[in-house]
Amino acid sequence: MELKILTPQKELFSGKIRLVKVPGADGAFEVMDRHAPIVSSLIDGEIKVIDEAGKTSLFEIGGGMIEVSENIATILAVTSSSNEKK
């Protein structure tokens, strides 16, 4: 599945992923390949991304929105910072 994480200032991430975990307004949830279409608000918290190579990236956000449609997830974050791990 494809993922884009955007802020008003820049694109934080764009690429193919295995999984993204987001801080939803009603609790954290994960999105994987072929997830059902969804639009959800996000609260302050951490986005965890595992790319196709298995590399984990973490992004702290100050709220936002996620849309998943046709195997593409787009996250619009208000503010962010990132930390990448293996």
Protein backbone atom coordinates (compact mmCIF):
# COMPACT_ATOMS: atom_id res chain seq x y z
CA MET A 1 0.00 0.00 0.00
CA GLU A 2 1.07 3.59 -0.57
CA LEU A 3 1.39 6.16 2.22
CA LYS A 4 1.88 9.93 2.21
CA ILE A 5 2.32 11.98 5.37
CA LEU A 6 1.97 15.71 4.77
CA THR A 7 2.13 18.85 6.91
CA PRO A 8 1.46 22.42 5.82
CA GLN A 9 5.24 22.89 5.57
CA LYS A 10 6.44 19.71 3.83
CA GLU A 11 6.01 16.08 2.83
CA LEU A 12 7.32 13.89 5.67
CA PHE A 13 6.96 10.48 4.05
CA SER A 14 5.98 9.01 0.72
CA GLY A 15 6.37 5.37 -0.21
CA LYS A 16 5.18 1.78 -0.08
CA ILE A 17 4.49 0.36 3.38
CA ARG A 18 3.45 -2.80 5.19
CA LEU A 19 1.63 -1.01 8.02
CA VAL A 20 0.86 2.37 9.55
CA LYS A 21 -0.40 2.82 13.12
CA VAL A 22 -2.09 6.14 13.93
CA PRO A 23 -3.54 7.84 17.03
CA GLY A 24 -7.23 7.98 16.11
CA ALA A 25 -9.67 10.17 18.03
CA ASP A 26 -11.41 7.02 19.34
CA GLY A 27 -8.17 5.09 19.92
CA ALA A 28 -5.10 4.00 18.00
CA PHE A 29 -5.59 1.80 14.95
CA GLU A 30 -3.54 0.16 12.22
CA VAL A 31 -3.98 0.29 8.47
CA MET A 32 -2.59 -2.48 6.28
CA ASP A 33 -2.76 -3.51 2.64
CA ARG A 34 -6.30 -3.47 1.17
CA HIS A 35 -7.85 -1.73 4.21
CA ALA A 36 -11.46 -0.64 3.82
CA PRO A 37 -11.96 3.03 2.87
CA ILE A 38 -11.96 5.29 5.92
CA VAL A 39 -11.65 8.93 6.94
CA SER A 40 -10.75 9.63 10.57
CA SER A 41 -9.53 12.48 12.73
CA LEU A 42 -6.22 12.04 14.54
CA ILE A 43 -5.17 13.34 17.95
CA ASP A 44 -1.74 14.31 19.26
CA GLY A 45 0.46 11.24 19.31
CA GLU A 46 2.75 8.95 17.38
CA ILE A 47 2.48 7.56 13.86
CA LYS A 48 4.38 4.31 13.38
CA VAL A 49 5.28 3.34 9.82
CA ILE A 50 6.80 0.00 8.77
CA ASP A 51 7.96 0.18 5.16
CA GLU A 52 8.28 -2.72 2.71
CA ALA A 53 11.89 -3.35 3.79
CA GLY A 54 10.81 -3.66 7.44
CA LYS A 55 12.29 -0.31 8.52
CA THR A 56 10.30 1.46 11.25
CA SER A 57 9.83 5.24 11.24
CA LEU A 58 8.10 7.20 14.02
CA PHE A 59 6.46 10.60 13.59
CA GLU A 60 5.05 12.71 16.44
CA ILE A 61 2.02 14.69 15.29
CA GLY A 62 -0.14 17.40 16.79
CA GLY A 63 -3.40 16.06 15.37
CA GLY A 64 -4.70 15.78 11.84
CA MET A 65 -6.70 13.53 9.50
CA ILE A 66 -6.21 10.22 7.69
CA GLU A 67 -7.93 9.08 4.51
CA VAL A 68 -7.61 5.55 3.12
CA SER A 69 -9.00 4.81 -0.34
CA GLU A 70 -8.00 2.42 -3.14
CA ASN A 71 -4.96 1.14 -1.19
CA ILE A 72 -3.58 4.67 -0.69
CA ALA A 73 -3.37 6.23 2.78
CA THR A 74 -2.93 9.99 3.11
CA ILE A 75 -2.23 11.62 6.46
CA LEU A 76 -2.56 15.38 6.85
CA ALA A 77 -0.79 16.32 10.09
CA VAL A 78 -0.92 19.70 11.82
CA THR A 79 2.65 19.53 13.20
CA SER A 80 5.28 16.83 13.37
CA SER A 81 8.74 15.55 14.20
CA SER A 82 10.30 12.26 13.14
CA ASN A 83 12.59 9.50 14.42
CA GLU A 84 13.64 6.57 12.25
CA LYS A 85 14.59 3.09 13.52
CA LYS A 86 15.62 -0.19 11.92
